[in-house]
Amino acid sequence: MKKSASLYVIIIACWLGLIAVAFTPFLEAVQNSENHGTVTMTLVIMSTLFIAYFWLNGTKDLIYTFYYFLKRKRFPLPPEGEWRVKNGSTADKEIVAVYCTFNDFNRSSLEACLYQDYPNVSFVILDDSTQKSYMDDIDAFALEKGIEVVRRTDKSGFKAGNLNNYLKHGEYDFFIILDSDEVIPSNFITRSLDYFAFYPNAGIVQANHVATRNRNKFMRLFSIGVDSHWPTYQTVKHHNGFLSLLGHGALISKECYMAAGGFPHLVAEDLCMSIEARNKGYFVAFAQDIICEEEYPISYQAFKKRHSKWTQGNMEFIKKYTWRIIRSKMTWFEKLDIILFTYSLPLSAFFALYIIINVILLPSLHYTVTYPIWLLAPTVMFLFAPMLNDIIFYGGGKVRPHRLVWYLLHTVLLYGSMLFISLRASIKSTFGKSIFVVTPKEHDFITKKDAFIASRGELLFGVTILAVAYIFNHTIISTIVIAVPALFSVYLARMANTA
């Protein structure tokens, strides 16, 4: 599996070209602040560096999307039956599918996974549940289907500990990771083996996913983002960046797993294991034509919990894996790909620092940074750059235009309202221990009162931002984009009430 640096050469070249154009006004802004003291100049430099970093991430999103849609018909796929051609049989390897659950057993999802066209496969339920109702349901299902159930008394290590408890002692050649809501197609194993045959140094084959079984308005609206995100970003990462195991819907060789030392007992166990495997010479391959099903978070509250887990996991990853990435054998563009994607989620919390600098600190020093008005153009463009993929993906008639606009507006609200969660989770993980938060799979009707209570953090954050902006700047214009999504959190919290 040979990866090309061409994509990141283009990204860096475009970004440096933009920085070169903006260099003079950036430099003038710093020089103009010099006469106002070291503190003021330092704050202006920090503000300018943040803009440059924001532009780099925006450039990445734009180039990634354009690159995929320009080349998507030229990305190679392994021929059907590649494993049989090279190995003479499709059933000579022992496969085990491990289903991970923690008080979220989904009988219908697991049952749908059982029907594989590969005969030499067994299923094991790795149950970390603590609620008796779930444990009883699992035992009944396992007895009915003849499936082994494994439970452990030491529940350390989150999902990684659960997996390692079984996998380090099991007898198998490959294993499949199934989350509680996972549904894999009947040809999952046979087609995944084709990828292993086509890419001899692959240790993990990560399948594509779509969001299905949408049971309410919240799930139906936002789930279309899953269907567009997976093929675009993971396909490009496969060829031009660092592709990670994404936690579920993947076939992994025992050889790769053992070489990597198993799953590190961290919240982002999938990403960390992928890096360990890469350092041992194994790659993750993306199977765009293997379509698995997952469920979108059932509610705004569930989405917040998942976002908090991802932020905490990535912050923990930054603390413990940054030096390992620097020292790793990966190519420079793989390392940069990890930094731009993985570091951006918790670092978005540092946007709060940018707000504090420009809304509080500089105004309190009676200083305002002035940039040419044209510099707003790339900033606004990059603010909406992550939506470009959805616009192109669904712009060809897959989604009606009014629904696409409605979705994009709500996406701004949904992800914009996550700034408070990102900030809280980043602080918690920076100064404490990251926690693996299981995304809830069930939702109860939420009243207006309950929605206000559940969203009190976001509401207080939004109101505070507006108040501070008005006190220090006598205007709220500069913080509307940040505050308004937070104030819509009550509306988002009640969307799941509509079937």
Protein backbone atom coordinates (compact mmCIF):
# COMPACT_ATOMS: atom_id res chain seq x y z
CA MET A 1 0.00 0.00 0.00
CA LYS A 2 1.78 3.09 -1.27
CA LYS A 3 0.53 6.48 -0.17
CA SER A 4 1.16 9.69 -2.06
CA ALA A 5 2.25 13.03 -0.58
CA SER A 6 0.67 14.95 -3.48
CA LEU A 7 -2.46 15.96 -1.58
CA TYR A 8 -0.58 17.53 1.31
CA VAL A 9 1.87 19.21 -1.02
CA ILE A 10 -1.16 20.91 -2.62
CA ILE A 11 -2.66 21.78 0.78
CA ILE A 12 0.54 23.32 2.11
CA ALA A 13 1.23 25.16 -1.15
CA CYS A 14 -2.25 26.73 -1.17
CA TRP A 15 -2.02 27.65 2.50
CA LEU A 16 1.45 29.18 2.16
CA GLY A 17 0.27 31.13 -0.87
CA LEU A 18 -2.61 32.56 1.15
CA ILE A 19 -0.31 33.36 4.07
CA ALA A 20 2.10 35.09 1.67
CA VAL A 21 -0.72 37.31 0.40
CA ALA A 22 -1.80 38.13 3.96
CA PHE A 23 1.71 38.39 5.38
CA THR A 24 2.01 42.16 5.02
CA PRO A 25 -1.27 43.04 6.81
CA PHE A 26 -0.49 40.41 9.47
CA LEU A 27 2.97 41.93 10.01
CA GLU A 28 1.55 45.45 10.10
CA ALA A 29 -1.00 44.40 12.72
CA VAL A 30 1.80 43.06 14.93
CA GLN A 31 4.03 46.11 14.33
CA ASN A 32 1.21 48.52 15.09
CA SER A 33 0.70 46.84 18.46
CA GLU A 34 4.36 47.11 19.43
CA ASN A 35 4.00 50.66 20.75
CA HIS A 36 1.21 49.56 23.08
CA GLY A 37 3.40 47.28 25.16
CA THR A 38 4.68 43.72 25.20
CA VAL A 39 1.43 42.27 26.52
CA THR A 40 -0.63 43.79 23.74
CA MET A 41 1.83 42.71 21.06
CA THR A 42 1.89 39.15 22.46
CA LEU A 43 -1.90 38.96 22.35
CA VAL A 44 -1.96 40.22 18.76
CA ILE A 45 0.65 37.63 17.75
CA MET A 46 -1.40 34.87 19.39
CA SER A 47 -4.54 36.08 17.62
CA THR A 48 -2.75 36.17 14.26
CA LEU A 49 -1.31 32.67 14.73
CA PHE A 50 -4.78 31.35 15.50
CA ILE A 51 -6.09 32.82 12.23
CA ALA A 52 -3.23 31.17 10.34
CA TYR A 53 -3.96 27.80 11.97
CA PHE A 54 -7.68 28.19 11.24
CA TRP A 55 -6.86 28.88 7.60
CA LEU A 56 -4.70 25.74 7.43
CA ASN A 57 -7.57 23.57 8.67
CA GLY A 58 -9.97 25.25 6.27
CA THR A 59 -7.59 24.72 3.36
CA LYS A 60 -7.38 21.05 4.31
CA ASP A 61 -11.18 20.67 4.26
CA LEU A 62 -11.55 22.37 0.87
CA ILE A 63 -8.71 20.49 -0.83
CA TYR A 64 -9.76 17.14 0.67
CA THR A 65 -13.25 17.54 -0.73
CA PHE A 66 -12.27 18.76 -4.20
CA TYR A 67 -9.56 16.08 -4.43
CA TYR A 68 -12.03 13.29 -3.70
CA PHE A 69 -14.70 14.41 -6.16
CA LEU A 70 -12.14 14.96 -8.91
CA LYS A 71 -10.56 11.53 -8.46
CA ARG A 72 -13.31 9.35 -6.98
CA LYS A 73 -13.82 7.34 -10.17
CA ARG A 74 -10.10 6.59 -10.42
CA PHE A 75 -9.52 5.16 -6.94
CA PRO A 76 -8.82 1.42 -7.42
CA LEU A 77 -10.87 -1.32 -5.78
CA PRO A 78 -9.69 -4.92 -5.32
CA PRO A 79 -11.17 -7.32 -7.87
CA GLU A 80 -13.99 -9.54 -6.63
CA GLY A 81 -12.58 -12.89 -5.50
CA GLU A 82 -9.02 -11.58 -5.09
CA TRP A 83 -8.54 -13.65 -1.93
CA ARG A 84 -9.66 -16.85 -3.66
CA VAL A 85 -7.33 -16.21 -6.59
CA LYS A 86 -4.29 -15.74 -4.35
CA ASN A 87 -5.12 -18.24 -1.61
CA GLY A 88 -7.21 -20.90 -3.30
CA SER A 89 -9.96 -20.83 -0.69
CA THR A 90 -12.16 -18.28 1.02
CA ALA A 91 -12.82 -20.35 4.15
CA ASP A 92 -9.40 -21.50 5.35
CA LYS A 93 -9.07 -18.71 7.94
CA GLU A 94 -10.80 -18.76 11.29
CA ILE A 95 -12.79 -15.57 11.91
CA VAL A 96 -14.33 -14.42 15.18
CA ALA A 97 -16.75 -11.51 15.43
CA VAL A 98 -16.61 -9.80 18.82
CA TYR A 99 -19.70 -7.83 19.79
CA CYS A 100 -18.98 -5.19 22.46
CA THR A 101 -21.78 -4.03 24.72
CA PHE A 102 -22.22 -2.03 27.90
CA ASN A 103 -25.87 -1.69 28.90
CA ASP A 104 -26.83 -1.16 25.25
CA PHE A 105 -27.42 -4.64 23.79
CA ASN A 106 -29.26 -4.51 20.46
CA ARG A 107 -30.70 -7.93 19.62
CA SER A 108 -31.84 -7.06 16.09
CA SER A 109 -28.48 -5.56 15.09
CA LEU A 110 -26.45 -8.56 16.23
CA GLU A 111 -28.91 -11.01 14.70
CA ALA A 112 -28.60 -9.26 11.33
CA CYS A 113 -24.81 -9.70 11.49
CA LEU A 114 -25.00 -13.48 11.94
CA TYR A 115 -25.83 -14.27 8.32
CA GLN A 116 -22.41 -14.29 6.64
CA ASP A 117 -21.55 -16.03 3.38
CA TYR A 118 -18.25 -17.09 4.95
CA PRO A 119 -18.73 -20.39 6.83
CA ASN A 120 -15.75 -20.39 9.22
CA VAL A 121 -16.95 -17.60 11.51
CA SER A 122 -18.05 -17.56 15.14
CA PHE A 123 -19.58 -14.82 17.28
CA VAL A 124 -18.71 -13.82 20.84
CA ILE A 125 -20.51 -11.26 23.00
CA LEU A 126 -18.11 -9.27 25.17
CA ASP A 127 -20.49 -8.03 27.81
CA ASP A 128 -19.44 -5.29 30.21
CA SER A 129 -23.03 -4.55 31.21
CA THR A 130 -23.92 -3.76 34.80
CA GLN A 131 -27.72 -3.78 34.48
CA LYS A 132 -29.36 -7.16 35.03
CA SER A 133 -32.04 -6.58 32.39
CA TYR A 134 -29.43 -6.31 29.65
CA MET A 135 -27.44 -9.26 30.98
CA ASP A 136 -30.56 -11.45 31.04
CA ASP A 137 -31.46 -10.45 27.49
CA ILE A 138 -27.93 -11.23 26.32
CA ASP A 139 -27.93 -14.63 28.01
CA ALA A 140 -31.28 -15.53 26.44
CA PHE A 141 -30.11 -14.47 22.98
CA ALA A 142 -26.79 -16.31 23.35
CA LEU A 143 -28.57 -19.50 24.41
CA GLU A 144 -30.96 -19.25 21.48
CA LYS A 145 -28.21 -18.65 18.90
CA GLY A 146 -25.45 -20.77 20.44
CA ILE A 147 -23.14 -17.78 21.00
CA GLU A 148 -20.44 -17.51 23.67
CA VAL A 149 -20.73 -14.72 26.24
CA VAL A 150 -17.61 -13.40 27.97
CA ARG A 151 -17.81 -11.21 31.06
CA ARG A 152 -14.95 -9.91 33.17
CA THR A 153 -14.74 -8.90 36.79
CA ASP A 154 -11.98 -6.34 36.21
CA LYS A 155 -13.61 -3.70 34.00
CA SER A 156 -10.54 -1.50 33.66
CA GLY A 157 -9.44 -0.10 30.32
CA PHE A 158 -12.89 0.77 28.97
CA LYS A 159 -13.64 -0.82 25.58
CA ALA A 160 -9.95 -1.60 25.01
CA GLY A 161 -9.79 -3.64 28.20
CA ASN A 162 -12.93 -5.53 27.20
CA LEU A 163 -11.46 -6.40 23.81
CA ASN A 164 -8.03 -7.35 25.11
CA ASN A 165 -9.50 -9.57 27.81
CA TYR A 166 -10.73 -11.92 25.09
CA LEU A 167 -8.54 -11.28 22.06
CA LYS A 168 -5.16 -11.83 23.71
CA HIS A 169 -6.10 -15.41 24.51
CA GLY A 170 -8.52 -16.33 21.72
CA GLU A 171 -7.94 -18.72 18.83
CA TYR A 172 -8.54 -17.00 15.50
CA ASP A 173 -6.81 -15.61 12.40
CA PHE A 174 -8.91 -12.48 11.99
CA PHE A 175 -11.49 -10.74 14.18
CA ILE A 176 -14.36 -8.35 13.49
CA ILE A 177 -15.26 -5.53 15.89
CA LEU A 178 -19.00 -4.99 16.23
CA ASP A 179 -20.48 -2.15 18.25
CA SER A 180 -23.95 -2.55 19.73
CA ASP A 181 -25.73 -0.86 16.79
CA GLU A 182 -23.51 -2.34 14.06
CA VAL A 183 -24.96 -4.24 11.09
CA ILE A 184 -22.50 -5.75 8.62
CA PRO A 185 -23.49 -7.07 5.17
CA SER A 186 -23.46 -10.79 4.41
CA ASN A 187 -20.33 -10.44 2.23
CA PHE A 188 -18.40 -8.49 4.87
CA ILE A 189 -15.78 -11.17 5.49
CA THR A 190 -15.30 -12.43 1.93
CA ARG A 191 -14.99 -8.93 0.53
CA SER A 192 -12.70 -7.79 3.37
CA LEU A 193 -10.39 -10.74 2.64
CA ASP A 194 -10.15 -9.45 -0.94
CA TYR A 195 -8.67 -6.24 0.48
CA PHE A 196 -6.15 -8.18 2.53
CA ALA A 197 -5.09 -10.03 -0.62
CA PHE A 198 -4.92 -6.84 -2.66
CA TYR A 199 -2.93 -4.94 0.00
CA PRO A 200 -0.41 -7.44 1.44
CA ASN A 201 0.77 -5.05 4.18
CA ALA A 202 -2.75 -4.24 5.41
CA GLY A 203 -3.41 -5.26 8.98
CA ILE A 204 -6.87 -3.75 9.26
CA VAL A 205 -9.69 -3.36 6.75
CA GLN A 206 -12.10 -0.62 7.78
CA ALA A 207 -15.50 -0.82 6.09
CA ASN A 208 -17.68 2.07 4.93
CA HIS A 209 -20.80 3.08 6.89
CA VAL A 210 -24.19 4.66 6.41
CA ALA A 211 -26.67 5.75 9.08
CA THR A 212 -29.91 3.75 9.14
CA ARG A 213 -32.85 2.98 11.45
CA ASN A 214 -33.50 6.67 12.06
CA ARG A 215 -36.36 6.76 14.53
CA ASN A 216 -36.92 10.47 15.09
CA LYS A 217 -36.51 13.91 13.55
CA PHE A 218 -33.05 14.49 15.05
CA MET A 219 -31.66 11.26 13.62
CA ARG A 220 -33.27 11.69 10.20
CA LEU A 221 -31.98 15.22 9.71
CA PHE A 222 -28.39 14.84 10.82
CA SER A 223 -27.73 11.26 9.71
CA ILE A 224 -27.19 12.29 6.10
CA GLY A 225 -23.86 13.78 7.21
CA VAL A 226 -22.63 10.26 8.02
CA ASP A 227 -23.40 8.99 4.53
CA SER A 228 -21.41 11.79 2.88
CA HIS A 229 -18.49 11.97 5.33
CA TRP A 230 -17.31 8.35 5.33
CA PRO A 231 -16.55 7.80 1.61
CA THR A 232 -14.97 11.21 1.05
CA TYR A 233 -12.61 11.53 3.98
CA GLN A 234 -11.72 7.87 4.53
CA THR A 235 -11.05 7.19 0.84
CA VAL A 236 -8.66 10.13 0.60
CA LYS A 237 -6.98 9.15 3.87
CA HIS A 238 -6.48 5.64 2.50
CA HIS A 239 -4.45 6.98 -0.41
CA ASN A 240 -3.03 10.30 0.81
CA GLY A 241 -3.13 10.51 4.60
CA PHE A 242 -3.35 8.48 7.78
CA LEU A 243 -6.34 6.17 7.92
CA SER A 244 -7.27 4.92 11.37
CA LEU A 245 -9.43 2.08 12.56
CA LEU A 246 -12.70 3.78 13.43
CA GLY A 247 -13.75 1.56 16.29
CA HIS A 248 -16.20 -0.79 14.60
CA GLY A 249 -17.10 -2.43 11.32
CA ALA A 250 -13.55 -3.59 10.67
CA LEU A 251 -11.71 -6.87 10.06
CA ILE A 252 -8.32 -7.09 11.81
CA SER A 253 -5.64 -9.74 11.49
CA LYS A 254 -4.40 -11.37 14.67
CA GLU A 255 -0.85 -10.87 13.42
CA CYS A 256 -1.38 -7.10 13.28
CA TYR A 257 -3.17 -7.00 16.62
CA MET A 258 -0.43 -8.91 18.43
CA ALA A 259 2.35 -6.91 16.76
CA ALA A 260 0.70 -3.69 17.95
CA GLY A 261 0.52 -5.05 21.51
CA GLY A 262 -3.27 -5.05 21.60
CA PHE A 263 -5.48 -2.04 22.24
CA PRO A 264 -3.96 0.63 24.51
CA HIS A 265 -6.18 1.24 27.53
CA LEU A 266 -7.15 4.72 26.42
CA VAL A 267 -10.42 6.33 25.37
CA ALA A 268 -9.31 6.58 21.71
CA GLU A 269 -8.18 2.96 21.64
CA ASP A 270 -8.85 2.60 17.90
CA LEU A 271 -6.64 5.52 16.88
CA CYS A 272 -3.84 4.56 19.26
CA MET A 273 -3.84 0.94 18.14
CA SER A 274 -3.72 2.08 14.49
CA ILE A 275 -0.58 4.10 15.19
CA GLU A 276 1.05 1.18 17.01
CA ALA A 277 0.20 -1.06 14.06
CA ARG A 278 1.54 1.50 11.57
CA ASN A 279 4.82 1.67 13.48
CA LYS A 280 5.07 -2.11 13.03
CA GLY A 281 4.63 -1.80 9.27
CA TYR A 282 0.87 -2.42 8.98
CA PHE A 283 -1.64 -0.16 7.25
CA VAL A 284 -5.38 0.39 7.57
CA ALA A 285 -7.21 -0.09 4.27
CA PHE A 286 -10.58 1.52 3.59
CA ALA A 287 -13.21 -0.68 1.89
CA GLN A 288 -15.50 1.87 0.29
CA ASP A 289 -17.70 -0.80 -1.30
CA ILE A 290 -18.42 -2.68 1.94
CA ILE A 291 -21.41 -0.81 3.33
CA CYS A 292 -22.16 -1.34 7.03
CA GLU A 293 -24.97 0.25 8.98
CA GLU A 294 -24.75 2.27 12.17
CA GLU A 295 -27.20 4.43 14.08
CA TYR A 296 -26.81 8.17 14.44
CA PRO A 297 -26.96 9.41 18.06
CA ILE A 298 -30.60 9.18 19.04
CA SER A 299 -30.82 12.70 20.51
CA TYR A 300 -28.99 15.95 21.12
CA GLN A 301 -28.11 14.73 24.61
CA ALA A 302 -26.61 11.54 23.15
CA PHE A 303 -24.71 13.57 20.56
CA LYS A 304 -23.22 15.76 23.31
CA LYS A 305 -22.04 12.69 25.21
CA ARG A 306 -20.38 11.28 22.11
CA HIS A 307 -18.76 14.61 21.32
CA SER A 308 -17.47 14.83 24.89
CA LYS A 309 -16.00 11.33 24.64
CA TRP A 310 -14.29 12.14 21.34
CA THR A 311 -12.87 15.39 22.71
CA GLN A 312 -11.61 13.75 25.89
CA GLY A 313 -10.16 10.87 23.91
CA ASN A 314 -8.36 13.14 21.50
CA MET A 315 -7.00 15.34 24.31
CA GLU A 316 -5.72 12.24 26.10
CA PHE A 317 -4.21 11.14 22.80
CA ILE A 318 -2.45 14.50 22.39
CA LYS A 319 -0.94 14.22 25.85
CA LYS A 320 0.25 10.64 25.49
CA TYR A 321 0.94 10.16 21.79
CA THR A 322 2.35 13.40 20.43
CA TRP A 323 5.95 12.38 21.04
CA ARG A 324 5.30 8.88 19.68
CA ILE A 325 3.97 10.41 16.47
CA ILE A 326 7.00 12.65 16.12
CA ARG A 327 9.34 9.69 16.58
CA SER A 328 7.32 7.23 14.49
CA LYS A 329 8.32 5.77 11.12
CA MET A 330 5.32 7.31 9.39
CA THR A 331 5.77 9.70 6.50
CA TRP A 332 5.65 13.43 7.20
CA PHE A 333 2.26 13.84 5.54
CA GLU A 334 0.72 11.00 7.57
CA LYS A 335 1.87 12.75 10.74
CA LEU A 336 0.46 16.06 9.51
CA ASP A 337 -2.81 14.35 8.65
CA ILE A 338 -3.12 13.04 12.21
CA ILE A 339 -2.39 16.47 13.65
CA LEU A 340 -4.87 18.35 11.46
CA PHE A 341 -7.73 15.92 12.04
CA THR A 342 -7.19 14.56 15.53
CA TYR A 343 -5.84 17.66 17.21
CA SER A 344 -8.51 19.95 15.76
CA LEU A 345 -11.36 18.60 17.90
CA PRO A 346 -9.98 19.43 21.37
CA LEU A 347 -8.06 22.42 20.05
CA SER A 348 -11.36 23.93 18.94
CA ALA A 349 -11.79 24.67 22.63
CA PHE A 350 -8.86 27.03 22.35
CA PHE A 351 -11.09 29.10 20.13
CA ALA A 352 -12.33 30.33 23.49
CA LEU A 353 -8.87 31.79 24.04
CA TYR A 354 -9.15 33.65 20.73
CA ILE A 355 -12.50 35.03 21.90
CA ILE A 356 -11.06 36.09 25.25
CA ILE A 357 -8.17 37.86 23.53
CA ASN A 358 -10.29 39.81 21.07
CA VAL A 359 -13.45 40.34 23.11
CA ILE A 360 -12.02 40.93 26.59
CA LEU A 361 -8.25 41.31 26.88
CA LEU A 362 -7.46 43.63 23.97
CA PRO A 363 -10.51 45.86 24.56
CA SER A 364 -9.57 46.11 28.25
CA LEU A 365 -6.17 47.34 27.09
CA HIS A 366 -7.96 49.88 24.88
CA TYR A 367 -6.61 48.27 21.76
CA THR A 368 -8.32 46.88 18.67
CA VAL A 369 -6.64 44.75 16.03
CA THR A 370 -7.38 46.03 12.55
CA TYR A 371 -7.04 43.92 9.42
CA PRO A 372 -8.02 44.80 5.84
CA ILE A 373 -11.65 43.97 5.17
CA TRP A 374 -10.69 41.52 2.42
CA LEU A 375 -9.13 39.20 5.00
CA LEU A 376 -12.66 38.36 6.11
CA ALA A 377 -13.26 36.54 2.81
CA PRO A 378 -10.97 33.53 3.44
CA THR A 379 -11.97 33.43 7.10
CA VAL A 380 -15.69 33.21 6.28
CA MET A 381 -15.00 30.72 3.49
CA PHE A 382 -13.03 28.45 5.82
CA LEU A 383 -15.70 28.76 8.50
CA PHE A 384 -18.10 26.96 6.16
CA ALA A 385 -15.47 24.75 4.48
CA PRO A 386 -16.51 21.58 6.38
CA MET A 387 -19.95 21.84 4.72
CA LEU A 388 -18.56 21.75 1.18
CA ASN A 389 -18.49 17.96 1.12
CA ASP A 390 -22.19 17.74 1.97
CA ILE A 391 -23.06 20.39 -0.61
CA ILE A 392 -21.25 18.57 -3.44
CA PHE A 393 -22.27 15.08 -2.31
CA TYR A 394 -25.97 15.94 -2.17
CA GLY A 395 -25.96 18.69 -4.78
CA GLY A 396 -26.64 16.25 -7.59
CA GLY A 397 -30.21 15.57 -6.56
CA LYS A 398 -29.73 12.95 -3.83
CA VAL A 399 -31.37 15.37 -1.40
CA ARG A 400 -33.90 18.04 -2.34
CA PRO A 401 -32.38 21.55 -2.27
CA HIS A 402 -34.64 22.88 0.49
CA ARG A 403 -33.84 19.88 2.69
CA LEU A 404 -30.11 20.34 2.06
CA VAL A 405 -30.32 24.02 3.08
CA TRP A 406 -32.35 23.05 6.15
CA TYR A 407 -29.74 20.43 7.04
CA LEU A 408 -26.81 22.84 6.57
CA LEU A 409 -28.45 25.50 8.77
CA HIS A 410 -29.04 22.94 11.50
CA THR A 411 -25.49 21.62 11.14
CA VAL A 412 -24.22 25.12 11.94
CA LEU A 413 -26.38 25.13 15.05
CA LEU A 414 -25.46 21.59 16.11
CA TYR A 415 -21.69 21.85 15.79
CA GLY A 416 -21.61 25.50 16.80
CA SER A 417 -23.32 24.59 20.06
CA MET A 418 -20.58 22.04 20.80
CA LEU A 419 -18.04 24.75 21.66
CA PHE A 420 -19.09 24.68 25.32
CA ILE A 421 -18.85 20.87 25.45
CA SER A 422 -15.45 20.95 23.74
CA LEU A 423 -14.18 23.54 26.19
CA ARG A 424 -15.43 21.67 29.24
CA ALA A 425 -14.20 18.27 28.03
CA SER A 426 -10.78 19.66 27.05
CA ILE A 427 -10.26 21.29 30.46
CA LYS A 428 -11.42 18.13 32.22
CA SER A 429 -9.08 15.93 30.21
CA THR A 430 -6.13 18.35 30.43
CA PHE A 431 -6.18 18.55 34.21
CA GLY A 432 -7.81 15.20 35.00
CA LYS A 433 -8.51 11.77 33.58
CA SER A 434 -10.35 11.13 30.35
CA ILE A 435 -13.50 9.04 30.66
CA PHE A 436 -14.99 6.66 28.11
CA VAL A 437 -18.60 7.81 27.83
CA VAL A 438 -21.02 5.32 26.28
CA THR A 439 -23.39 7.02 23.83
CA PRO A 440 -26.98 6.46 25.00
CA LYS A 441 -29.10 4.38 22.63
CA GLU A 442 -32.50 5.23 24.13
CA HIS A 443 -34.34 8.53 24.46
CA ASP A 444 -37.21 9.62 26.69
CA PHE A 445 -39.56 12.48 25.87
CA ILE A 446 -37.95 15.71 27.05
CA THR A 447 -40.13 18.58 28.26
CA LYS A 448 -39.28 22.25 27.80
CA LYS A 449 -38.24 22.43 31.44
CA ASP A 450 -36.01 19.36 31.10
CA ALA A 451 -34.51 20.79 27.90
CA PHE A 452 -33.63 24.05 29.65
CA ILE A 453 -32.07 22.16 32.54
CA ALA A 454 -30.10 19.85 30.24
CA SER A 455 -28.91 22.84 28.19
CA ARG A 456 -28.12 25.19 31.06
CA GLY A 457 -24.39 25.04 30.35
CA GLU A 458 -24.80 26.00 26.69
CA LEU A 459 -27.35 28.72 27.53
CA LEU A 460 -25.16 30.27 30.21
CA PHE A 461 -22.18 30.11 27.87
CA GLY A 462 -24.07 31.85 25.05
CA VAL A 463 -25.54 34.57 27.25
CA THR A 464 -22.18 35.19 28.92
CA ILE A 465 -20.42 35.55 25.58
CA LEU A 466 -22.99 38.11 24.41
CA ALA A 467 -22.88 40.04 27.69
CA VAL A 468 -19.09 40.16 27.79
CA ALA A 469 -18.93 41.28 24.16
CA TYR A 470 -21.38 44.10 24.83
CA ILE A 471 -19.63 45.22 28.04
CA PHE A 472 -16.18 45.39 26.48
CA ASN A 473 -17.02 46.25 22.85
CA HIS A 474 -20.50 47.84 23.07
CA THR A 475 -21.62 45.43 20.33
CA ILE A 476 -22.47 41.74 20.08
CA ILE A 477 -21.78 41.38 16.35
CA SER A 478 -18.40 39.72 16.86
CA THR A 479 -19.85 36.88 18.95
CA ILE A 480 -23.20 36.15 17.30
CA VAL A 481 -21.84 33.19 15.32
CA ILE A 482 -20.60 31.66 18.59
CA ALA A 483 -23.49 32.55 20.88
CA VAL A 484 -26.53 31.88 18.70
CA PRO A 485 -25.91 28.10 18.23
CA ALA A 486 -25.53 27.72 22.01
CA LEU A 487 -28.85 29.52 22.55
CA PHE A 488 -30.57 27.07 20.19
CA SER A 489 -29.56 24.11 22.37
CA VAL A 490 -33.06 23.86 23.87
CA TYR A 491 -34.56 23.59 20.38
CA LEU A 492 -32.02 20.92 19.42
CA ALA A 493 -32.67 19.02 22.65
CA ARG A 494 -36.37 18.68 21.81
CA MET A 495 -35.97 17.60 18.19
CA ALA A 496 -35.84 13.92 19.16
CA ASN A 497 -39.38 14.19 20.57
CA THR A 498 -40.76 14.21 17.02
CA ALA A 499 -41.04 10.74 15.51
